[in-house]
């Protein structure tokens, strides 16, 4: 009886945690999938930028997300990326991405050029590569 009660309490805690974080259909789940995807890419310095999932649309086992990446060293440098994800089991995986807009340099890894009105070289741009 005690083990059954302990099991029920454990299940309740897990379900509570899932409902608080929004479960599989949440911004948190999408952000985790995108960060997991980027951590596997050697040319992305994820620790030098903030990842802000701004909008997510769910459609069954597919989701689309608009994400803003902002450089921690130069907060005016941002890149907007559109992600398409698919649900695989109990988590999301990035299927594709495309750069929507970048400010302050190329999101494809080239060092940023000069900003309008700025005679000094621009700081390095976070290297974000679209997955295809």
N, C-alpha and C. Protein backbone atom coordinates (compact mmCIF):
# COMPACT_ATOMS: atom_id res chain seq x y z
N UNK A 1 0.83 -1.19 0.00
CA UNK A 1 0.00 0.00 0.00
C UNK A 1 0.87 1.25 0.00
N UNK A 2 1.93 1.25 0.83
CA UNK A 2 2.81 2.42 0.89
C UNK A 2 3.50 2.65 -0.44
N UNK A 3 3.96 1.57 -1.09
CA UNK A 3 4.66 1.75 -2.37
C UNK A 3 3.70 2.26 -3.45
N UNK A 4 2.46 1.82 -3.41
CA UNK A 4 1.47 2.31 -4.36
C UNK A 4 1.19 3.78 -4.13
N UNK A 5 1.10 4.18 -2.87
CA UNK A 5 0.87 5.58 -2.53
C UNK A 5 2.07 6.42 -2.95
N UNK A 6 3.27 5.92 -2.69
CA UNK A 6 4.48 6.65 -3.08
C UNK A 6 4.53 6.79 -4.60
N UNK A 7 4.13 5.74 -5.33
CA UNK A 7 4.11 5.80 -6.79
C UNK A 7 3.14 6.83 -7.29
N UNK A 8 1.95 6.90 -6.68
CA UNK A 8 0.95 7.89 -7.07
C UNK A 8 1.44 9.31 -6.80
N UNK A 9 2.09 9.48 -5.67
CA UNK A 9 2.63 10.81 -5.33
C UNK A 9 3.70 11.19 -6.36
N UNK A 10 4.55 10.24 -6.75
CA UNK A 10 5.57 10.50 -7.77
C UNK A 10 4.96 10.90 -9.10
N UNK A 11 3.93 10.17 -9.53
CA UNK A 11 3.25 10.49 -10.78
C UNK A 11 2.60 11.86 -10.69
N UNK A 12 1.99 12.18 -9.57
CA UNK A 12 1.35 13.49 -9.39
C UNK A 12 2.39 14.60 -9.48
N UNK A 13 3.56 14.39 -8.89
CA UNK A 13 4.61 15.41 -8.95
C UNK A 13 5.09 15.62 -10.38
N UNK A 14 5.27 14.54 -11.12
CA UNK A 14 5.70 14.66 -12.51
C UNK A 14 4.65 15.38 -13.34
N UNK A 15 3.39 15.00 -13.18
CA UNK A 15 2.32 15.66 -13.93
C UNK A 15 2.20 17.12 -13.55
N UNK A 16 2.38 17.43 -12.28
CA UNK A 16 2.34 18.82 -11.83
C UNK A 16 3.45 19.62 -12.47
N UNK A 17 4.65 19.05 -12.51
CA UNK A 17 5.78 19.75 -13.11
C UNK A 17 5.54 19.98 -14.59
N UNK A 18 4.97 18.98 -15.28
CA UNK A 18 4.69 19.13 -16.70
C UNK A 18 3.65 20.20 -16.96
N UNK A 19 2.61 20.24 -16.13
CA UNK A 19 1.57 21.24 -16.34
C UNK A 19 2.08 22.63 -16.03
N UNK A 20 2.98 22.76 -15.05
CA UNK A 20 3.53 24.08 -14.73
C UNK A 20 4.44 24.57 -15.83
N UNK A 21 5.21 23.70 -16.45
CA UNK A 21 6.12 24.12 -17.51
C UNK A 21 5.41 24.17 -18.86
N UNK A 22 4.18 23.72 -18.93
CA UNK A 22 3.42 23.75 -20.17
C UNK A 22 3.48 22.46 -20.94
N UNK A 23 4.26 21.49 -20.48
CA UNK A 23 4.33 20.20 -21.14
C UNK A 23 4.97 20.28 -22.50
N UNK A 24 4.62 19.34 -23.35
CA UNK A 24 5.24 19.23 -24.67
C UNK A 24 4.84 20.38 -25.58
N UNK A 25 3.65 20.92 -25.42
CA UNK A 25 3.22 22.03 -26.27
C UNK A 25 3.39 23.35 -25.52
N UNK A 26 4.67 23.72 -25.31
CA UNK A 26 4.99 24.96 -24.60
C UNK A 26 6.21 25.61 -25.22
N UNK A 27 6.35 26.90 -24.96
CA UNK A 27 7.55 27.61 -25.40
C UNK A 27 8.79 26.98 -24.79
N UNK A 28 8.69 26.55 -23.55
CA UNK A 28 9.85 25.95 -22.87
C UNK A 28 10.30 24.68 -23.59
N UNK A 29 9.37 23.86 -24.04
CA UNK A 29 9.73 22.63 -24.75
C UNK A 29 10.36 22.95 -26.10
N UNK A 30 9.85 23.97 -26.77
CA UNK A 30 10.41 24.39 -28.07
C UNK A 30 11.80 24.98 -27.87
N UNK A 31 11.96 25.83 -26.85
CA UNK A 31 13.27 26.42 -26.59
C UNK A 31 14.30 25.34 -26.27
N UNK A 32 13.90 24.35 -25.48
CA UNK A 32 14.81 23.24 -25.14
C UNK A 32 15.24 22.51 -26.41
N UNK A 33 14.31 22.29 -27.34
CA UNK A 33 14.64 21.59 -28.59
C UNK A 33 15.61 22.41 -29.44
N UNK A 34 15.38 23.71 -29.52
CA UNK A 34 16.25 24.57 -30.31
C UNK A 34 17.64 24.64 -29.69
N UNK A 35 17.70 24.79 -28.38
CA UNK A 35 19.01 24.84 -27.71
C UNK A 35 19.75 23.51 -27.85
N UNK A 36 19.03 22.41 -27.76
CA UNK A 36 19.64 21.08 -27.94
C UNK A 36 20.21 20.97 -29.36
N UNK A 37 19.45 21.45 -30.33
CA UNK A 37 19.88 21.44 -31.73
C UNK A 37 21.15 22.28 -31.91
N UNK A 38 21.18 23.46 -31.32
CA UNK A 38 22.32 24.36 -31.49
C UNK A 38 23.56 23.87 -30.74
N UNK A 39 23.37 23.19 -29.62
CA UNK A 39 24.51 22.68 -28.86
C UNK A 39 25.28 21.64 -29.66
N UNK A 40 24.63 20.99 -30.60
CA UNK A 40 25.29 20.00 -31.43
C UNK A 40 26.03 20.60 -32.61
N UNK A 41 26.00 21.92 -32.74
CA UNK A 41 26.65 22.59 -33.86
C UNK A 41 27.92 23.29 -33.36
N UNK A 42 29.09 22.85 -33.81
CA UNK A 42 30.34 23.40 -33.29
C UNK A 42 30.57 24.87 -33.63
N UNK A 43 29.90 25.41 -34.64
CA UNK A 43 30.12 26.79 -35.04
C UNK A 43 29.18 27.78 -34.36
N UNK A 44 28.42 27.35 -33.38
CA UNK A 44 27.49 28.23 -32.67
C UNK A 44 27.94 28.38 -31.22
N UNK A 45 28.18 29.61 -30.81
CA UNK A 45 28.58 29.90 -29.44
C UNK A 45 27.33 30.26 -28.64
N UNK A 46 26.58 29.25 -28.26
CA UNK A 46 25.30 29.44 -27.59
C UNK A 46 25.44 30.22 -26.28
N UNK A 47 26.57 30.04 -25.58
CA UNK A 47 26.74 30.74 -24.30
C UNK A 47 27.01 32.23 -24.47
N UNK A 48 27.22 32.71 -25.69
CA UNK A 48 27.47 34.13 -25.91
C UNK A 48 26.22 34.86 -26.39
N UNK A 49 25.08 34.20 -26.35
CA UNK A 49 23.85 34.84 -26.80
C UNK A 49 22.66 34.42 -25.95
N UNK A 50 21.63 35.23 -25.99
CA UNK A 50 20.38 34.86 -25.33
C UNK A 50 19.43 34.36 -26.42
N UNK A 51 18.61 33.41 -26.04
CA UNK A 51 17.64 32.81 -26.95
C UNK A 51 16.26 33.16 -26.44
N UNK A 52 15.49 33.88 -27.25
CA UNK A 52 14.15 34.31 -26.84
C UNK A 52 13.13 33.78 -27.84
N UNK A 53 12.39 32.75 -27.42
CA UNK A 53 11.32 32.20 -28.25
C UNK A 53 10.16 33.17 -28.14
N UNK A 54 9.87 33.85 -29.24
CA UNK A 54 8.88 34.92 -29.20
C UNK A 54 7.47 34.46 -29.56
N UNK A 55 7.37 33.51 -30.45
CA UNK A 55 6.04 33.06 -30.87
C UNK A 55 6.13 31.60 -31.29
N UNK A 56 5.15 30.80 -30.90
CA UNK A 56 5.10 29.39 -31.27
C UNK A 56 3.69 29.06 -31.74
N UNK A 57 3.61 28.31 -32.82
CA UNK A 57 2.33 27.83 -33.33
C UNK A 57 2.42 26.31 -33.43
N UNK A 58 1.48 25.63 -32.78
CA UNK A 58 1.45 24.17 -32.79
C UNK A 58 0.37 23.69 -33.75
N UNK A 59 0.67 22.62 -34.48
CA UNK A 59 -0.28 22.00 -35.38
C UNK A 59 -0.02 20.50 -35.36
N UNK A 60 -0.62 19.83 -34.40
CA UNK A 60 -0.42 18.39 -34.26
C UNK A 60 1.02 18.08 -33.87
N UNK A 61 1.70 17.29 -34.72
CA UNK A 61 3.08 16.91 -34.46
C UNK A 61 4.08 17.87 -35.09
N UNK A 62 3.62 19.04 -35.50
CA UNK A 62 4.50 20.05 -36.07
C UNK A 62 4.35 21.35 -35.29
N UNK A 63 5.42 22.11 -35.28
CA UNK A 63 5.37 23.42 -34.64
C UNK A 63 6.25 24.37 -35.42
N UNK A 64 5.91 25.64 -35.38
CA UNK A 64 6.73 26.69 -35.97
C UNK A 64 7.00 27.72 -34.89
N UNK A 65 8.23 28.22 -34.87
CA UNK A 65 8.62 29.17 -33.83
C UNK A 65 9.42 30.32 -34.43
N UNK A 66 9.18 31.50 -33.90
CA UNK A 66 9.96 32.69 -34.23
C UNK A 66 10.87 32.94 -33.04
N UNK A 67 12.18 32.99 -33.28
CA UNK A 67 13.16 33.08 -32.21
C UNK A 67 14.09 34.25 -32.47
N UNK A 68 14.36 35.03 -31.42
CA UNK A 68 15.31 36.14 -31.52
C UNK A 68 16.56 35.75 -30.74
N UNK A 69 17.71 35.82 -31.40
CA UNK A 69 19.00 35.60 -30.77
C UNK A 69 19.64 36.97 -30.57
N UNK A 70 20.13 37.22 -29.36
CA UNK A 70 20.74 38.50 -29.05
C UNK A 70 22.12 38.26 -28.46
N UNK A 71 23.12 38.97 -29.00
CA UNK A 71 24.48 38.86 -28.51
C UNK A 71 24.56 39.40 -27.09
N UNK A 72 25.23 38.68 -26.20
CA UNK A 72 25.43 39.17 -24.83
C UNK A 72 26.50 40.26 -24.80
N UNK A 73 27.46 40.22 -25.74
CA UNK A 73 28.52 41.21 -25.77
C UNK A 73 28.05 42.52 -26.42
N UNK A 74 27.19 42.44 -27.40
CA UNK A 74 26.68 43.62 -28.10
C UNK A 74 25.18 43.44 -28.29
N UNK A 75 24.38 43.84 -27.27
CA UNK A 75 22.94 43.56 -27.29
C UNK A 75 22.18 44.12 -28.49
N UNK A 76 22.77 45.08 -29.21
CA UNK A 76 22.08 45.59 -30.39
C UNK A 76 22.22 44.66 -31.59
N UNK A 77 23.04 43.63 -31.47
CA UNK A 77 23.17 42.64 -32.53
C UNK A 77 22.16 41.53 -32.29
N UNK A 78 21.22 41.41 -33.21
CA UNK A 78 20.18 40.39 -33.09
C UNK A 78 20.00 39.67 -34.42
N UNK A 79 19.50 38.46 -34.33
CA UNK A 79 19.14 37.69 -35.51
C UNK A 79 17.80 37.02 -35.21
N UNK A 80 16.84 37.18 -36.13
CA UNK A 80 15.54 36.52 -36.01
C UNK A 80 15.56 35.28 -36.90
N UNK A 81 15.17 34.14 -36.33
CA UNK A 81 15.19 32.88 -37.07
C UNK A 81 13.83 32.20 -36.93
N UNK A 82 13.35 31.68 -38.04
CA UNK A 82 12.09 30.92 -38.08
C UNK A 82 12.46 29.44 -38.05
N UNK A 83 11.88 28.69 -37.11
CA UNK A 83 12.14 27.26 -36.98
C UNK A 83 10.89 26.47 -37.28
N UNK A 84 11.08 25.33 -37.93
CA UNK A 84 10.03 24.33 -38.11
C UNK A 84 10.50 23.11 -37.33
N UNK A 85 9.65 22.63 -36.43
CA UNK A 85 9.99 21.48 -35.59
C UNK A 85 8.96 20.38 -35.78
N UNK A 86 9.37 19.17 -35.48
CA UNK A 86 8.43 18.04 -35.49
C UNK A 86 8.56 17.31 -34.17
N UNK A 87 7.46 16.77 -33.75
CA UNK A 87 7.43 16.02 -32.49
C UNK A 87 7.90 14.60 -32.76
N UNK A 88 8.86 14.17 -31.96
CA UNK A 88 9.38 12.81 -32.03
C UNK A 88 9.27 12.24 -30.62
N UNK A 89 8.31 11.36 -30.42
CA UNK A 89 8.09 10.81 -29.08
C UNK A 89 7.61 11.89 -28.13
N UNK A 90 8.36 12.08 -27.06
CA UNK A 90 7.95 13.06 -26.04
C UNK A 90 8.76 14.34 -26.10
N UNK A 91 9.38 14.64 -27.27
CA UNK A 91 10.13 15.89 -27.39
C UNK A 91 10.09 16.40 -28.82
N UNK A 92 10.51 17.63 -29.01
CA UNK A 92 10.54 18.27 -30.31
C UNK A 92 11.95 18.21 -30.89
N UNK A 93 12.04 18.15 -32.22
CA UNK A 93 13.32 18.19 -32.92
C UNK A 93 13.22 19.20 -34.05
N UNK A 94 14.30 19.95 -34.25
CA UNK A 94 14.34 20.95 -35.31
C UNK A 94 14.38 20.23 -36.65
N UNK A 95 13.48 20.62 -37.52
CA UNK A 95 13.43 20.07 -38.87
C UNK A 95 14.14 21.00 -39.85
N UNK A 96 13.91 22.31 -39.71
CA UNK A 96 14.57 23.29 -40.56
C UNK A 96 14.54 24.65 -39.89
N UNK A 97 15.37 25.54 -40.41
CA UNK A 97 15.37 26.92 -39.91
C UNK A 97 15.74 27.85 -41.05
N UNK A 98 15.31 29.10 -40.92
CA UNK A 98 15.66 30.11 -41.91
C UNK A 98 15.77 31.45 -41.21
N UNK A 99 16.78 32.21 -41.60
CA UNK A 99 17.00 33.52 -41.01
C UNK A 99 15.97 34.48 -41.57
N UNK A 100 15.30 35.18 -40.67
CA UNK A 100 14.28 36.15 -41.09
C UNK A 100 14.86 37.55 -41.20
N UNK A 101 15.71 37.88 -40.20
CA UNK A 101 16.24 39.25 -40.16
C UNK A 101 17.45 39.24 -39.24
N UNK A 102 18.46 39.96 -39.63
CA UNK A 102 19.63 40.12 -38.77
C UNK A 102 20.04 41.58 -38.74
N UNK A 103 20.44 42.05 -37.58
CA UNK A 103 20.92 43.43 -37.44
C UNK A 103 22.36 43.39 -37.00
N UNK A 104 23.21 44.15 -37.66
CA UNK A 104 24.57 44.30 -37.20
C UNK A 104 25.54 43.32 -37.80
N UNK A 105 25.15 42.55 -38.77
CA UNK A 105 26.10 41.65 -39.41
C UNK A 105 25.42 40.43 -39.97
N UNK A 106 26.20 39.62 -40.63
CA UNK A 106 25.68 38.42 -41.26
C UNK A 106 25.45 37.32 -40.23
N UNK A 107 24.32 36.64 -40.27
CA UNK A 107 24.10 35.52 -39.37
C UNK A 107 24.80 34.26 -39.85
N UNK A 108 25.53 34.35 -40.96
CA UNK A 108 26.18 33.18 -41.54
C UNK A 108 27.64 33.06 -41.18
N UNK A 109 28.04 33.72 -40.10
CA UNK A 109 29.39 33.50 -39.59
C UNK A 109 30.42 34.49 -40.05
N UNK A 110 30.13 35.37 -40.99
CA UNK A 110 31.11 36.36 -41.39
C UNK A 110 31.19 37.42 -40.32
N UNK A 111 32.37 38.00 -40.15
CA UNK A 111 32.49 39.10 -39.18
C UNK A 111 31.63 40.24 -39.67
N UNK A 112 30.93 40.87 -38.75
CA UNK A 112 30.03 41.95 -39.11
C UNK A 112 30.78 43.11 -39.73
N UNK A 113 30.14 43.78 -40.67
CA UNK A 113 30.74 44.96 -41.28
C UNK A 113 30.52 46.16 -40.40
N UNK A 114 30.75 47.33 -40.97
CA UNK A 114 30.54 48.56 -40.20
C UNK A 114 29.05 48.87 -40.17
N UNK A 115 28.62 49.33 -39.00
CA UNK A 115 27.23 49.75 -38.86
C UNK A 115 27.08 51.15 -39.43
N UNK A 116 25.89 51.50 -39.94
CA UNK A 116 25.69 52.85 -40.49
C UNK A 116 26.03 53.90 -39.44
N UNK A 117 26.85 54.86 -39.85
CA UNK A 117 27.21 55.95 -38.95
C UNK A 117 28.29 55.61 -37.94
N UNK A 118 28.83 54.41 -37.97
CA UNK A 118 29.84 53.98 -37.00
C UNK A 118 31.16 53.80 -37.73
N UNK A 119 32.13 54.69 -37.45
CA UNK A 119 33.40 54.58 -38.17
C UNK A 119 34.27 53.44 -37.66
N UNK A 120 33.97 52.90 -36.48
CA UNK A 120 34.79 51.81 -35.95
C UNK A 120 34.23 50.47 -36.39
N UNK A 121 35.09 49.44 -36.42
CA UNK A 121 34.59 48.11 -36.81
C UNK A 121 33.53 47.62 -35.84
N UNK A 122 32.56 46.90 -36.39
CA UNK A 122 31.49 46.33 -35.57
C UNK A 122 32.02 45.14 -34.78
N UNK A 123 31.45 44.88 -33.60
CA UNK A 123 31.88 43.70 -32.84
C UNK A 123 31.52 42.43 -33.59
N UNK A 124 32.18 41.32 -33.27
CA UNK A 124 31.87 40.07 -33.97
C UNK A 124 30.41 39.68 -33.81
N UNK A 125 29.86 39.11 -34.84
CA UNK A 125 28.47 38.66 -34.85
C UNK A 125 28.40 37.23 -34.35
N UNK A 126 27.40 36.91 -33.51
CA UNK A 126 27.23 35.50 -33.13
C UNK A 126 27.04 34.69 -34.39
N UNK A 127 27.68 33.56 -34.47
CA UNK A 127 27.58 32.75 -35.67
C UNK A 127 26.40 31.81 -35.58
N UNK A 128 25.37 32.12 -36.32
CA UNK A 128 24.19 31.27 -36.39
C UNK A 128 24.10 30.75 -37.81
N UNK A 129 23.99 29.47 -37.95
CA UNK A 129 23.88 28.86 -39.26
C UNK A 129 22.51 28.21 -39.37
N UNK A 130 21.75 28.52 -40.42
CA UNK A 130 20.47 27.83 -40.60
C UNK A 130 20.73 26.34 -40.86
N UNK A 131 19.84 25.51 -40.34
CA UNK A 131 19.95 24.08 -40.64
C UNK A 131 19.06 23.79 -41.83
N UNK A 132 19.48 22.91 -42.66
CA UNK A 132 18.69 22.57 -43.85
C UNK A 132 18.58 21.10 -43.98
